[in-house]
């Protein structure tokens, strides 16, 4: 379920992204780690094999215009689901990088502490030499 700030930021996205995000997606978040692993190891390869065999079946068993249209519709539907997941992951990673709440950029403080540590190291080095 998207939070309020995510919904507000989704309204600012281009129309293509908003349309892609309207496509439903299958979520594996509620499954345990073992079930998620089972999905990636067993179910997904079986699904890809089944897709290949069904494309082959549709191309050989149906007549000319119907077979191409059915294969194109079948593959474009699957591609749409994949594109939806990729767009959502990209947007989530960009939000994580750009949100101030997750990471604070303290460049001046870090640089000053680095300079102080270099000065201390240099002082220790000169004390050890004398």
N, C-alpha and C. Protein backbone atom coordinates (compact mmCIF):
# COMPACT_ATOMS: atom_id res chain seq x y z
N UNK A 1 0.83 -1.17 0.00
CA UNK A 1 0.00 0.00 0.00
C UNK A 1 0.88 1.24 0.00
N UNK A 2 0.77 2.13 -0.96
CA UNK A 2 1.63 3.30 -1.00
C UNK A 2 1.26 4.29 0.08
N UNK A 3 2.27 4.92 0.64
CA UNK A 3 2.05 5.92 1.66
C UNK A 3 1.64 7.23 0.99
N UNK A 4 1.25 8.22 1.80
CA UNK A 4 0.74 9.47 1.27
C UNK A 4 1.81 10.23 0.49
N UNK A 5 3.06 10.26 1.00
CA UNK A 5 4.10 11.00 0.30
C UNK A 5 4.49 10.32 -1.01
N UNK A 6 4.39 9.00 -1.07
CA UNK A 6 4.66 8.29 -2.32
C UNK A 6 3.58 8.58 -3.34
N UNK A 7 2.31 8.64 -2.89
CA UNK A 7 1.22 8.94 -3.82
C UNK A 7 1.35 10.36 -4.34
N UNK A 8 1.76 11.29 -3.48
CA UNK A 8 1.93 12.67 -3.91
C UNK A 8 3.07 12.78 -4.91
N UNK A 9 4.16 12.04 -4.68
CA UNK A 9 5.27 12.11 -5.62
C UNK A 9 4.95 11.37 -6.92
N UNK A 10 4.07 10.37 -6.87
CA UNK A 10 3.66 9.68 -8.09
C UNK A 10 2.84 10.60 -8.99
N UNK A 11 2.15 11.58 -8.41
CA UNK A 11 1.37 12.52 -9.23
C UNK A 11 2.28 13.43 -10.05
N UNK A 12 3.52 13.59 -9.64
CA UNK A 12 4.45 14.45 -10.35
C UNK A 12 5.22 13.71 -11.44
N UNK A 13 5.05 12.41 -11.53
CA UNK A 13 5.75 11.61 -12.53
C UNK A 13 5.16 11.85 -13.92
N UNK A 14 5.93 11.57 -14.96
CA UNK A 14 5.38 11.67 -16.32
C UNK A 14 4.24 10.66 -16.52
N UNK A 15 3.41 10.93 -17.51
CA UNK A 15 2.22 10.12 -17.76
C UNK A 15 2.56 8.66 -18.03
N UNK A 16 3.66 8.41 -18.72
CA UNK A 16 4.03 7.03 -19.05
C UNK A 16 4.31 6.23 -17.77
N UNK A 17 5.04 6.83 -16.84
CA UNK A 17 5.34 6.14 -15.58
C UNK A 17 4.07 5.92 -14.76
N UNK A 18 3.19 6.91 -14.73
CA UNK A 18 1.95 6.74 -13.98
C UNK A 18 1.09 5.63 -14.57
N UNK A 19 1.08 5.51 -15.90
CA UNK A 19 0.32 4.43 -16.53
C UNK A 19 0.94 3.07 -16.23
N UNK A 20 2.26 3.00 -16.27
CA UNK A 20 2.93 1.73 -15.98
C UNK A 20 2.70 1.32 -14.53
N UNK A 21 2.69 2.28 -13.61
CA UNK A 21 2.49 1.96 -12.21
C UNK A 21 1.05 1.55 -11.90
N UNK A 22 0.13 1.77 -12.81
CA UNK A 22 -1.26 1.32 -12.63
C UNK A 22 -1.40 -0.18 -12.88
N UNK A 23 -0.44 -0.78 -13.57
CA UNK A 23 -0.49 -2.22 -13.85
C UNK A 23 -0.29 -2.96 -12.53
N UNK A 24 -1.14 -3.95 -12.24
CA UNK A 24 -0.97 -4.69 -10.98
C UNK A 24 0.31 -5.51 -11.00
N UNK A 25 0.85 -5.75 -9.82
CA UNK A 25 2.07 -6.55 -9.75
C UNK A 25 1.89 -7.64 -8.72
N UNK A 26 2.60 -8.73 -8.91
CA UNK A 26 2.58 -9.84 -7.98
C UNK A 26 3.64 -9.56 -6.93
N UNK A 27 3.25 -9.55 -5.68
CA UNK A 27 4.17 -9.21 -4.61
C UNK A 27 4.60 -10.46 -3.87
N UNK A 28 5.91 -10.56 -3.65
CA UNK A 28 6.46 -11.67 -2.87
C UNK A 28 6.87 -11.21 -1.48
N UNK A 29 6.46 -10.00 -1.09
CA UNK A 29 6.88 -9.44 0.19
C UNK A 29 6.32 -10.21 1.37
N UNK A 30 5.13 -10.77 1.24
CA UNK A 30 4.49 -11.46 2.36
C UNK A 30 4.99 -12.89 2.54
N UNK A 31 5.74 -13.40 1.58
CA UNK A 31 6.22 -14.77 1.67
C UNK A 31 7.50 -14.84 2.50
N UNK A 32 7.76 -16.01 3.03
CA UNK A 32 9.00 -16.20 3.79
C UNK A 32 10.18 -16.28 2.83
N UNK A 33 11.38 -16.30 3.38
CA UNK A 33 12.58 -16.36 2.55
C UNK A 33 12.64 -17.67 1.76
N UNK A 34 12.20 -18.78 2.38
CA UNK A 34 12.23 -20.06 1.69
C UNK A 34 11.26 -20.07 0.52
N UNK A 35 10.08 -19.50 0.71
CA UNK A 35 9.10 -19.46 -0.38
C UNK A 35 9.58 -18.54 -1.49
N UNK A 36 10.23 -17.43 -1.14
CA UNK A 36 10.78 -16.54 -2.16
C UNK A 36 11.88 -17.21 -2.94
N UNK A 37 12.73 -17.96 -2.25
CA UNK A 37 13.78 -18.71 -2.93
C UNK A 37 13.21 -19.79 -3.82
N UNK A 38 12.15 -20.43 -3.35
CA UNK A 38 11.48 -21.45 -4.16
C UNK A 38 10.91 -20.83 -5.43
N UNK A 39 10.38 -19.62 -5.31
CA UNK A 39 9.86 -18.93 -6.48
C UNK A 39 10.94 -18.71 -7.51
N UNK A 40 12.09 -18.15 -7.08
CA UNK A 40 13.15 -17.82 -8.03
C UNK A 40 13.85 -19.05 -8.58
N UNK A 41 13.90 -20.13 -7.81
CA UNK A 41 14.64 -21.32 -8.25
C UNK A 41 13.77 -22.28 -9.05
N UNK A 42 12.53 -22.40 -8.68
CA UNK A 42 11.69 -23.42 -9.29
C UNK A 42 10.57 -22.85 -10.16
N UNK A 43 9.80 -21.95 -9.62
CA UNK A 43 8.61 -21.48 -10.32
C UNK A 43 8.96 -20.61 -11.52
N UNK A 44 9.88 -19.68 -11.37
CA UNK A 44 10.22 -18.79 -12.48
C UNK A 44 10.84 -19.53 -13.67
N UNK A 45 11.80 -20.44 -13.47
CA UNK A 45 12.29 -21.20 -14.64
C UNK A 45 11.20 -22.06 -15.30
N UNK A 46 10.30 -22.62 -14.50
CA UNK A 46 9.19 -23.37 -15.08
C UNK A 46 8.26 -22.45 -15.87
N UNK A 47 8.06 -21.25 -15.37
CA UNK A 47 7.21 -20.29 -16.07
C UNK A 47 7.84 -19.88 -17.40
N UNK A 48 9.14 -19.64 -17.42
CA UNK A 48 9.81 -19.25 -18.66
C UNK A 48 9.77 -20.39 -19.66
N UNK A 49 9.98 -21.62 -19.20
CA UNK A 49 9.89 -22.77 -20.08
C UNK A 49 8.47 -22.93 -20.62
N UNK A 50 7.49 -22.75 -19.74
CA UNK A 50 6.09 -22.83 -20.17
C UNK A 50 5.73 -21.74 -21.16
N UNK A 51 6.29 -20.55 -20.98
CA UNK A 51 6.04 -19.47 -21.93
C UNK A 51 6.60 -19.82 -23.30
N UNK A 52 7.80 -20.34 -23.32
CA UNK A 52 8.42 -20.73 -24.60
C UNK A 52 7.58 -21.81 -25.29
N UNK A 53 7.18 -22.82 -24.54
CA UNK A 53 6.38 -23.91 -25.14
C UNK A 53 5.01 -23.43 -25.59
N UNK A 54 4.39 -22.53 -24.82
CA UNK A 54 3.08 -22.03 -25.24
C UNK A 54 3.21 -21.15 -26.48
N UNK A 55 4.29 -20.38 -26.59
CA UNK A 55 4.52 -19.61 -27.82
C UNK A 55 4.68 -20.54 -29.01
N UNK A 56 5.44 -21.59 -28.83
CA UNK A 56 5.62 -22.57 -29.90
C UNK A 56 4.30 -23.22 -30.27
N UNK A 57 3.50 -23.57 -29.28
CA UNK A 57 2.20 -24.18 -29.52
C UNK A 57 1.27 -23.21 -30.24
N UNK A 58 1.24 -21.96 -29.80
CA UNK A 58 0.37 -20.97 -30.44
C UNK A 58 0.79 -20.72 -31.89
N UNK A 59 2.08 -20.69 -32.14
CA UNK A 59 2.55 -20.43 -33.50
C UNK A 59 2.26 -21.58 -34.45
N UNK A 60 2.29 -22.81 -33.93
CA UNK A 60 2.10 -23.96 -34.83
C UNK A 60 0.66 -24.41 -34.96
N UNK A 61 -0.15 -24.26 -33.93
CA UNK A 61 -1.51 -24.81 -33.97
C UNK A 61 -2.56 -23.86 -34.53
N UNK A 62 -2.34 -22.57 -34.42
CA UNK A 62 -3.35 -21.62 -34.89
C UNK A 62 -3.04 -21.19 -36.31
N UNK A 63 -4.05 -20.62 -36.97
CA UNK A 63 -3.86 -20.15 -38.35
C UNK A 63 -3.07 -18.85 -38.36
N UNK A 64 -2.70 -18.41 -39.56
CA UNK A 64 -1.71 -17.34 -39.74
C UNK A 64 -1.96 -16.05 -38.96
N UNK A 65 -3.01 -15.31 -39.16
CA UNK A 65 -3.03 -14.03 -38.46
C UNK A 65 -3.27 -14.18 -36.96
N UNK A 66 -3.99 -15.23 -36.58
CA UNK A 66 -4.32 -15.40 -35.16
C UNK A 66 -3.09 -15.80 -34.36
N UNK A 67 -2.22 -16.63 -34.93
CA UNK A 67 -1.08 -17.09 -34.16
C UNK A 67 -0.11 -15.95 -33.82
N UNK A 68 0.15 -15.08 -34.77
CA UNK A 68 1.06 -13.97 -34.49
C UNK A 68 0.45 -12.98 -33.49
N UNK A 69 -0.82 -12.70 -33.64
CA UNK A 69 -1.48 -11.76 -32.73
C UNK A 69 -1.50 -12.33 -31.32
N UNK A 70 -1.79 -13.61 -31.17
CA UNK A 70 -1.85 -14.21 -29.83
C UNK A 70 -0.48 -14.24 -29.17
N UNK A 71 0.56 -14.54 -29.93
CA UNK A 71 1.92 -14.55 -29.36
C UNK A 71 2.35 -13.14 -28.97
N UNK A 72 2.03 -12.16 -29.81
CA UNK A 72 2.39 -10.78 -29.50
C UNK A 72 1.65 -10.30 -28.25
N UNK A 73 0.37 -10.60 -28.13
CA UNK A 73 -0.39 -10.20 -26.94
C UNK A 73 0.13 -10.88 -25.69
N UNK A 74 0.41 -12.16 -25.80
CA UNK A 74 0.90 -12.93 -24.65
C UNK A 74 2.25 -12.38 -24.16
N UNK A 75 3.18 -12.17 -25.08
CA UNK A 75 4.50 -11.69 -24.69
C UNK A 75 4.48 -10.22 -24.25
N UNK A 76 3.63 -9.40 -24.86
CA UNK A 76 3.57 -8.00 -24.44
C UNK A 76 2.95 -7.86 -23.06
N UNK A 77 2.01 -8.74 -22.70
CA UNK A 77 1.44 -8.72 -21.36
C UNK A 77 2.50 -9.05 -20.32
N UNK A 78 3.28 -10.06 -20.58
CA UNK A 78 4.36 -10.44 -19.66
C UNK A 78 5.41 -9.34 -19.59
N UNK A 79 5.74 -8.74 -20.72
CA UNK A 79 6.72 -7.64 -20.74
C UNK A 79 6.20 -6.44 -19.96
N UNK A 80 4.91 -6.18 -20.01
CA UNK A 80 4.33 -5.07 -19.26
C UNK A 80 4.47 -5.29 -17.76
N UNK A 81 4.25 -6.51 -17.29
CA UNK A 81 4.44 -6.81 -15.87
C UNK A 81 5.90 -6.63 -15.46
N UNK A 82 6.81 -7.06 -16.31
CA UNK A 82 8.24 -6.92 -16.01
C UNK A 82 8.65 -5.46 -15.99
N UNK A 83 8.16 -4.67 -16.94
CA UNK A 83 8.49 -3.24 -16.98
C UNK A 83 7.94 -2.54 -15.75
N UNK A 84 6.77 -2.95 -15.28
CA UNK A 84 6.18 -2.35 -14.08
C UNK A 84 7.08 -2.56 -12.87
N UNK A 85 7.59 -3.77 -12.71
CA UNK A 85 8.47 -4.06 -11.58
C UNK A 85 9.77 -3.27 -11.70
N UNK A 86 10.32 -3.17 -12.91
CA UNK A 86 11.56 -2.42 -13.10
C UNK A 86 11.38 -0.93 -12.82
N UNK A 87 10.27 -0.35 -13.26
CA UNK A 87 10.02 1.07 -12.99
C UNK A 87 9.85 1.31 -11.50
N UNK A 88 9.14 0.42 -10.83
CA UNK A 88 8.93 0.59 -9.39
C UNK A 88 10.25 0.49 -8.62
N UNK A 89 11.09 -0.47 -9.00
CA UNK A 89 12.40 -0.60 -8.33
C UNK A 89 13.27 0.63 -8.57
N UNK A 90 13.25 1.16 -9.79
CA UNK A 90 14.05 2.35 -10.11
C UNK A 90 13.56 3.54 -9.31
N UNK A 91 12.25 3.74 -9.25
CA UNK A 91 11.71 4.85 -8.48
C UNK A 91 12.01 4.72 -6.99
N UNK A 92 11.92 3.51 -6.46
CA UNK A 92 12.22 3.30 -5.04
C UNK A 92 13.69 3.58 -4.74
N UNK A 93 14.59 3.17 -5.62
CA UNK A 93 16.01 3.44 -5.38
C UNK A 93 16.32 4.93 -5.50
N UNK A 94 15.66 5.63 -6.44
CA UNK A 94 15.87 7.07 -6.56
C UNK A 94 15.32 7.80 -5.34
N UNK A 95 14.17 7.37 -4.84
CA UNK A 95 13.62 7.99 -3.63
C UNK A 95 14.53 7.77 -2.44
N UNK A 96 15.11 6.58 -2.35
CA UNK A 96 16.00 6.30 -1.23
C UNK A 96 17.26 7.15 -1.29
N UNK A 97 17.75 7.42 -2.49
CA UNK A 97 18.95 8.24 -2.63
C UNK A 97 18.68 9.73 -2.44
N UNK A 98 17.52 10.19 -2.85
CA UNK A 98 17.23 11.62 -2.84
C UNK A 98 16.53 12.11 -1.58
N UNK A 99 16.00 11.21 -0.79
CA UNK A 99 15.30 11.63 0.41
C UNK A 99 16.30 12.02 1.48
N UNK A 100 16.07 13.15 2.11
CA UNK A 100 17.00 13.63 3.12
C UNK A 100 16.93 12.82 4.40
N UNK A 101 15.81 12.20 4.68
CA UNK A 101 15.65 11.47 5.92
C UNK A 101 16.52 10.22 6.01
N UNK A 102 16.94 9.68 4.90
CA UNK A 102 17.70 8.44 4.92
C UNK A 102 19.19 8.66 5.09
N UNK A 103 19.69 9.75 4.56
CA UNK A 103 21.13 9.97 4.60
C UNK A 103 21.41 11.46 4.63
N UNK A 104 22.28 11.87 5.52
CA UNK A 104 22.63 13.28 5.63
C UNK A 104 24.03 13.50 5.07
N UNK A 105 24.14 14.50 4.23
CA UNK A 105 25.42 14.84 3.64
C UNK A 105 26.08 15.90 4.51
N UNK A 106 27.06 15.51 5.31
CA UNK A 106 27.79 16.43 6.17
C UNK A 106 29.22 16.51 5.65
N UNK A 107 29.38 17.15 4.52
CA UNK A 107 30.68 17.18 3.84
C UNK A 107 31.67 18.03 4.62
N UNK A 108 31.26 19.20 5.07
CA UNK A 108 32.18 20.09 5.77
C UNK A 108 32.66 19.48 7.08
N UNK A 109 31.73 18.90 7.85
CA UNK A 109 32.11 18.28 9.11
C UNK A 109 33.05 17.10 8.88
N UNK A 110 32.75 16.30 7.90
CA UNK A 110 33.59 15.14 7.60
C UNK A 110 34.97 15.58 7.13
N UNK A 111 35.01 16.60 6.29
CA UNK A 111 36.30 17.11 5.81
C UNK A 111 37.12 17.69 6.94
N UNK A 112 36.48 18.45 7.83
CA UNK A 112 37.20 19.02 8.98
C UNK A 112 37.73 17.94 9.91
N UNK A 113 36.93 16.91 10.17
CA UNK A 113 37.40 15.82 11.03
C UNK A 113 38.54 15.06 10.36
N UNK A 114 38.48 14.95 9.04
CA UNK A 114 39.58 14.30 8.32
C UNK A 114 40.86 15.12 8.41
N UNK A 115 40.74 16.43 8.27
CA UNK A 115 41.92 17.29 8.41
C UNK A 115 42.49 17.22 9.81
N UNK A 116 41.65 17.20 10.83
CA UNK A 116 42.12 17.08 12.21
C UNK A 116 42.85 15.76 12.43
N UNK A 117 42.32 14.69 11.87
CA UNK A 117 42.98 13.39 12.04
C UNK A 117 44.32 13.37 11.31
N UNK A 118 44.41 14.05 10.15
CA UNK A 118 45.70 14.14 9.46
C UNK A 118 46.71 14.95 10.27
N UNK A 119 46.25 16.04 10.90
CA UNK A 119 47.14 16.85 11.74
C UNK A 119 47.64 16.05 12.93
N UNK A 120 46.73 15.30 13.57
CA UNK A 120 47.13 14.47 14.70
C UNK A 120 48.14 13.41 14.27
N UNK A 121 47.90 12.82 13.12
CA UNK A 121 48.82 11.80 12.61
C UNK A 121 50.17 12.41 12.31
N UNK A 122 50.18 13.61 11.74
CA UNK A 122 51.42 14.30 11.43
C UNK A 122 52.16 14.67 12.72
N UNK A 123 51.43 15.12 13.75
CA UNK A 123 52.05 15.47 15.04
C UNK A 123 52.65 14.23 15.70
N UNK A 124 51.94 13.11 15.64
CA UNK A 124 52.48 11.87 16.22
C UNK A 124 53.73 11.44 15.48
N UNK A 125 53.71 11.63 14.18
CA UNK A 125 54.86 11.24 13.36
C UNK A 125 56.08 12.08 13.72
N UNK A 126 55.88 13.40 13.89
CA UNK A 126 57.00 14.28 14.25
C UNK A 126 57.47 14.01 15.67
N UNK A 127 56.56 13.67 16.61
CA UNK A 127 56.96 13.33 17.97
C UNK A 127 57.75 12.04 18.02
N UNK A 128 57.39 11.08 17.20
CA UNK A 128 58.11 9.80 17.15
C UNK A 128 59.49 9.95 16.55
N UNK A 129 59.65 10.86 15.61
CA UNK A 129 60.96 11.07 14.96
C UNK A 129 61.94 11.78 15.89
N UNK A 130 61.46 12.61 16.81
CA UNK A 130 62.39 13.34 17.67
C UNK A 130 62.73 12.64 18.94
